[in-house]
Protein backbone atom coordinates (compact mmCIF):
# COMPACT_ATOMS: atom_id res chain seq x y z
CA MET A 1 0.01 0.10 -0.05
CA ALA A 2 1.44 3.41 -1.04
CA ARG A 3 2.44 5.64 1.89
CA PRO A 4 -0.07 8.54 2.77
CA LEU A 5 0.58 11.84 1.41
CA ALA A 6 -0.13 15.31 2.84
CA VAL A 7 0.26 18.58 1.02
CA VAL A 8 1.43 22.05 2.51
CA ILE A 9 0.69 25.03 0.18
CA MET A 10 2.78 28.28 0.71
CA SER A 11 0.18 30.95 0.25
CA ALA A 12 1.26 33.70 2.75
CA GLY A 13 3.18 35.94 0.36
CA LYS A 14 2.40 39.67 -0.26
CA GLY A 15 3.39 39.61 -3.91
CA THR A 16 5.02 43.05 -3.69
CA ARG A 17 5.73 43.10 -7.58
CA MET A 18 2.12 42.63 -8.47
CA ASN A 19 1.58 46.12 -7.29
CA ASN A 20 -1.74 45.63 -5.47
CA PRO A 21 -1.21 45.54 -1.66
CA ASP A 22 -4.90 44.90 -1.49
CA MET A 23 -4.73 41.41 -2.83
CA ALA A 24 -3.18 38.21 -1.81
CA LYS A 25 -0.82 36.98 -4.47
CA VAL A 26 -2.26 33.61 -4.71
CA MET A 27 -5.78 35.02 -5.22
CA TYR A 28 -4.75 36.32 -8.74
CA GLU A 29 -7.16 34.62 -11.20
CA ILE A 30 -6.02 32.48 -14.20
CA ASN A 31 -8.83 31.76 -16.64
CA GLY A 32 -11.36 32.66 -13.86
CA LYS A 33 -9.94 30.74 -11.09
CA PRO A 34 -7.44 32.03 -8.24
CA MET A 35 -4.14 30.33 -8.90
CA VAL A 36 -4.05 28.82 -5.31
CA GLU A 37 -7.11 26.77 -6.32
CA TYR A 38 -5.18 25.09 -9.25
CA VAL A 39 -2.66 23.94 -6.63
CA VAL A 40 -5.29 22.62 -4.30
CA ASP A 41 -6.89 20.73 -7.33
CA LEU A 42 -3.50 19.20 -7.79
CA ALA A 43 -3.34 17.98 -4.27
CA LEU A 44 -6.67 16.43 -4.64
CA LYS A 45 -5.70 14.67 -7.75
CA LEU A 46 -2.62 13.25 -5.83
CA GLN A 47 -5.18 11.86 -3.36
CA SER A 48 -3.79 14.02 -0.51
CA HIS A 49 -4.66 12.77 2.95
CA ASP A 50 -4.33 16.41 4.42
CA ILE A 51 -4.20 19.79 2.55
CA VAL A 52 -2.91 22.71 4.74
CA ALA A 53 -2.53 26.20 3.21
CA ILE A 54 -0.20 28.61 5.10
CA VAL A 55 -1.81 31.97 4.81
CA GLY A 56 -0.68 35.41 5.85
CA TRP A 57 -0.85 38.52 3.53
CA GLN A 58 -4.65 39.35 2.86
CA LYS A 59 -5.43 36.06 4.59
CA ASP A 60 -9.23 36.47 5.01
CA SER A 61 -9.81 36.48 1.17
CA VAL A 62 -7.76 33.24 0.88
CA ILE A 63 -9.54 31.47 3.77
CA GLN A 64 -13.00 32.57 2.51
CA HIS A 65 -12.34 31.52 -0.95
CA LEU A 66 -10.88 28.01 0.00
CA ALA A 67 -13.58 27.44 2.35
CA SER A 68 -16.24 28.31 -0.25
CA THR A 69 -14.80 25.54 -2.68
CA GLY A 70 -15.72 22.81 0.08
CA LYS A 71 -12.25 21.08 -1.01
CA GLY A 72 -11.32 20.22 2.46
CA VAL A 73 -8.40 22.71 2.96
CA THR A 74 -7.12 23.60 6.53
CA CYS A 75 -5.77 27.21 6.45
CA VAL A 76 -3.02 28.11 9.08
CA GLU A 77 -1.84 31.54 9.61
CA GLN A 78 1.85 32.60 9.57
CA LEU A 79 2.39 35.56 11.83
CA PRO A 80 5.03 37.06 11.66
CA GLN A 81 6.40 35.80 8.32
CA LEU A 82 9.86 34.61 9.01
CA GLY A 83 10.60 32.61 6.16
CA THR A 84 9.83 29.29 4.35
CA GLY A 85 11.12 27.22 7.08
CA HIS A 86 9.12 29.19 9.71
CA ALA A 87 5.97 28.76 7.19
CA VAL A 88 6.13 24.92 7.14
CA MET A 89 6.61 25.00 11.09
CA GLN A 90 2.96 26.30 11.25
CA ALA A 91 1.65 23.09 9.59
CA GLU A 92 2.86 20.85 12.24
CA PRO A 93 -0.09 20.82 14.69
CA SER A 94 -2.55 20.19 11.67
CA LEU A 95 -0.49 17.16 10.66
CA LYS A 96 -0.06 15.78 14.29
CA ASN A 97 -1.98 12.63 13.58
CA PHE A 98 -0.50 12.08 10.06
CA ASP A 99 2.23 9.69 9.23
CA GLY A 100 3.50 9.62 5.67
CA ASP A 101 5.16 12.04 3.13
CA VAL A 102 4.73 15.78 2.91
CA LEU A 103 4.69 17.59 -0.36
CA VAL A 104 5.35 21.19 -0.17
CA LEU A 105 4.02 23.27 -2.96
CA SER A 106 3.70 26.92 -3.68
CA GLY A 107 0.25 28.61 -4.20
CA ASP A 108 1.93 30.99 -6.80
CA VAL A 109 2.96 28.04 -9.04
CA PRO A 110 -0.29 27.02 -10.87
CA MET A 111 1.24 25.38 -13.88
CA LEU A 112 2.87 22.40 -12.13
CA SER A 113 1.44 19.16 -13.58
CA TYR A 114 0.18 15.88 -12.10
CA ALA A 115 2.75 14.10 -13.99
CA THR A 116 5.54 16.20 -12.78
CA THR A 117 4.53 15.81 -8.95
CA SER A 118 3.40 12.22 -9.07
CA GLY A 119 6.95 11.52 -10.62
CA LEU A 120 8.62 13.54 -7.97
CA ILE A 121 6.88 11.48 -5.13
CA ALA A 122 7.54 8.13 -6.83
CA TYR A 123 11.16 9.09 -7.27
CA HIS A 124 11.36 10.08 -3.55
CA ARG A 125 10.03 6.80 -2.40
CA THR A 126 12.34 4.65 -4.56
CA GLN A 127 15.18 6.54 -3.52
CA GLN A 128 14.20 6.19 0.13
CA ALA A 129 15.11 9.85 0.70
CA ALA A 130 14.60 11.97 3.68
CA ALA A 131 13.69 14.86 1.14
CA THR A 132 13.55 15.05 -2.58
CA VAL A 133 13.82 18.36 -4.41
CA LEU A 134 12.14 19.19 -7.57
CA THR A 135 14.88 21.23 -9.78
CA ALA A 136 14.85 22.55 -13.24
CA VAL A 137 17.76 23.57 -15.58
CA LEU A 138 17.33 27.15 -16.82
CA ASP A 139 19.08 29.38 -19.34
CA ASP A 140 19.17 32.08 -16.84
CA ALA A 141 19.15 31.01 -13.06
CA THR A 142 19.52 34.51 -11.74
CA GLY A 143 17.57 34.89 -8.38
CA TYR A 144 17.11 31.11 -7.82
CA GLY A 145 18.65 28.82 -5.11
CA ARG A 146 21.40 26.70 -6.76
CA ILE A 147 21.58 22.97 -6.60
CA ILE A 148 25.14 21.82 -5.69
CA ARG A 149 25.81 18.07 -6.73
CA ASP A 150 28.72 15.85 -5.99
CA LYS A 151 30.25 13.84 -8.89
CA ASP A 152 27.80 11.03 -8.30
CA GLY A 153 24.74 13.44 -8.54
CA ASN A 154 23.76 13.43 -4.85
CA VAL A 155 22.60 16.96 -3.61
CA LEU A 156 25.36 18.48 -1.21
CA ALA A 157 23.86 21.83 -0.78
CA ILE A 158 21.28 24.34 -1.88
CA VAL A 159 22.58 27.78 -1.77
CA GLU A 160 20.43 30.82 -2.19
CA HIS A 161 21.36 33.23 -4.87
CA LYS A 162 22.15 35.99 -2.59
CA ASP A 163 24.28 33.84 -0.47
CA ALA A 164 25.86 32.17 -3.45
CA THR A 165 29.53 32.71 -4.62
CA GLU A 166 30.44 33.88 -8.04
CA GLU A 167 31.31 30.34 -9.01
CA GLN A 168 28.06 28.80 -7.61
CA ARG A 169 26.19 31.57 -9.56
CA THR A 170 27.33 29.95 -12.97
CA ILE A 171 25.19 26.58 -11.91
CA ARG A 172 21.91 26.59 -14.03
CA GLU A 173 20.16 23.75 -11.98
CA ILE A 174 17.78 25.46 -9.63
CA ASN A 175 15.78 25.09 -6.73
CA SER A 176 12.04 25.13 -7.58
CA GLY A 177 10.82 25.51 -3.99
CA ILE A 178 8.88 22.16 -4.34
CA TYR A 179 10.07 19.11 -2.18
CA VAL A 180 8.72 15.96 -0.81
CA PHE A 181 9.81 15.03 2.84
CA ASP A 182 9.37 12.16 5.08
CA LYS A 183 7.12 13.93 7.60
CA ALA A 184 8.78 12.89 10.87
CA LYS A 185 12.11 13.90 9.44
CA LEU A 186 10.98 17.06 8.28
CA PHE A 187 9.64 18.38 11.56
CA ALA A 188 12.50 16.89 13.45
CA GLY A 189 14.75 18.97 11.20
CA LEU A 190 12.80 22.02 11.50
CA LYS A 191 13.54 22.23 15.15
CA HIS A 192 17.24 22.51 14.29
CA ILE A 193 17.34 25.47 11.95
CA THR A 194 18.40 28.83 12.74
CA PRO A 195 17.83 32.60 10.88
CA HIS A 196 21.59 33.11 10.48
CA ASN A 197 21.53 34.38 6.86
CA VAL A 198 21.21 37.52 4.96
CA GLN A 199 17.58 37.94 5.40
CA ASN A 200 17.25 36.81 9.05
CA GLU A 201 14.75 34.15 8.01
CA TYR A 202 14.27 30.48 8.43
CA TYR A 203 15.01 28.89 5.28
CA LEU A 204 13.11 25.62 4.54
CA THR A 205 16.28 24.49 2.77
CA ASP A 206 18.27 24.69 6.01
CA VAL A 207 16.58 21.39 6.97
CA PHE A 208 18.92 19.75 4.53
CA ASP A 209 21.92 20.74 6.62
CA TYR A 210 20.47 18.77 9.41
CA PHE A 211 19.79 15.83 7.11
CA TRP A 212 23.22 15.70 5.60
CA LYS A 213 24.91 16.01 9.10
CA GLY A 214 22.89 12.89 10.12
CA ASN A 215 23.78 11.14 7.05
CA LEU A 216 20.34 11.39 5.52
CA LYS A 217 19.66 11.08 1.84
CA VAL A 218 18.45 14.28 -0.02
CA ALA A 219 17.57 13.47 -3.65
CA ALA A 220 16.86 15.73 -6.50
CA LEU A 221 14.70 15.42 -9.75
CA ALA A 222 14.89 17.80 -12.51
CA ALA A 223 11.49 18.73 -14.14
CA GLN A 224 11.35 18.08 -17.79
CA ASN A 225 9.46 21.16 -18.51
CA PRO A 226 10.95 24.07 -16.49
CA GLN A 227 7.95 26.33 -17.47
CA GLU A 228 5.91 24.23 -14.95
CA ILE A 229 7.58 25.39 -11.92
CA GLN A 230 7.35 29.13 -12.90
CA GLY A 231 6.30 31.15 -9.90
CA ILE A 232 4.03 34.04 -10.79
CA ASN A 233 5.66 37.30 -9.24
CA THR A 234 4.89 39.95 -11.69
CA PRO A 235 1.73 41.12 -13.85
CA GLN A 236 3.81 39.98 -16.96
CA GLN A 237 4.32 36.42 -15.68
CA LEU A 238 0.55 36.36 -14.74
CA GLU A 239 -0.44 37.20 -18.27
CA GLU A 240 2.19 34.74 -19.70
CA ALA A 241 0.69 32.00 -17.37
CA ARG A 242 -2.87 32.86 -18.54
CA SER A 243 -1.82 32.41 -22.08
CA VAL A 244 -0.11 29.09 -21.57
CA MET A 245 -2.97 27.72 -19.40
CA ALA A 246 -5.55 28.91 -21.92
CA ARG A 247 -3.84 26.94 -24.67
CA ALA A 248 -3.58 23.90 -22.52
CA SER A 249 -7.14 23.89 -21.49
């Protein structure tokens, strides 16, 4: 029998570059549906046991919309917002009685497909990894965290762009921000991360340092279509996603 799956959807962001402080970023619509709902529908297609949305900026609109869909999403507020690691920590009480794998998705990545995510989960399980990262190889990796691998292809580090050396910035394989974790190992690791970085935030990727110190495996799988992992951060990216998804529907 397959291990149970829970999904945590990161939905707390302000979306500063969208230039509308009155709107939660994940509530921008694509073809008549808020982008966070595409992510919820993906979680349902993956037969998630639990779906937890981490909300923050303009949270009421997100909570009300997700409640109105009747799709069984639990919303948890992240306050204050202290980074991606801190966001996932907020999901722990909701997953207290869950045992299995946790897929971390972003509410502003609406083009991710079932084929890619189900493949990622299957790969994670065959690798018997503590965590598996969905990556992509981009022509221009500026701004993204870089995947550092050893000669055998194992993940040695994930370095945020702003913390990366010039040499590391030449790497084109990037972290999509989409992960599968063994639930018990994830929340054990989150207890060991600290905000000692440029942003003074708790990076979810710092959990991997805890895994590596404990000789736990971190695997990575590159998405075949990098467009799928595109986050929507600007009005232009929103229009591009609308065009792509209209053609696909």
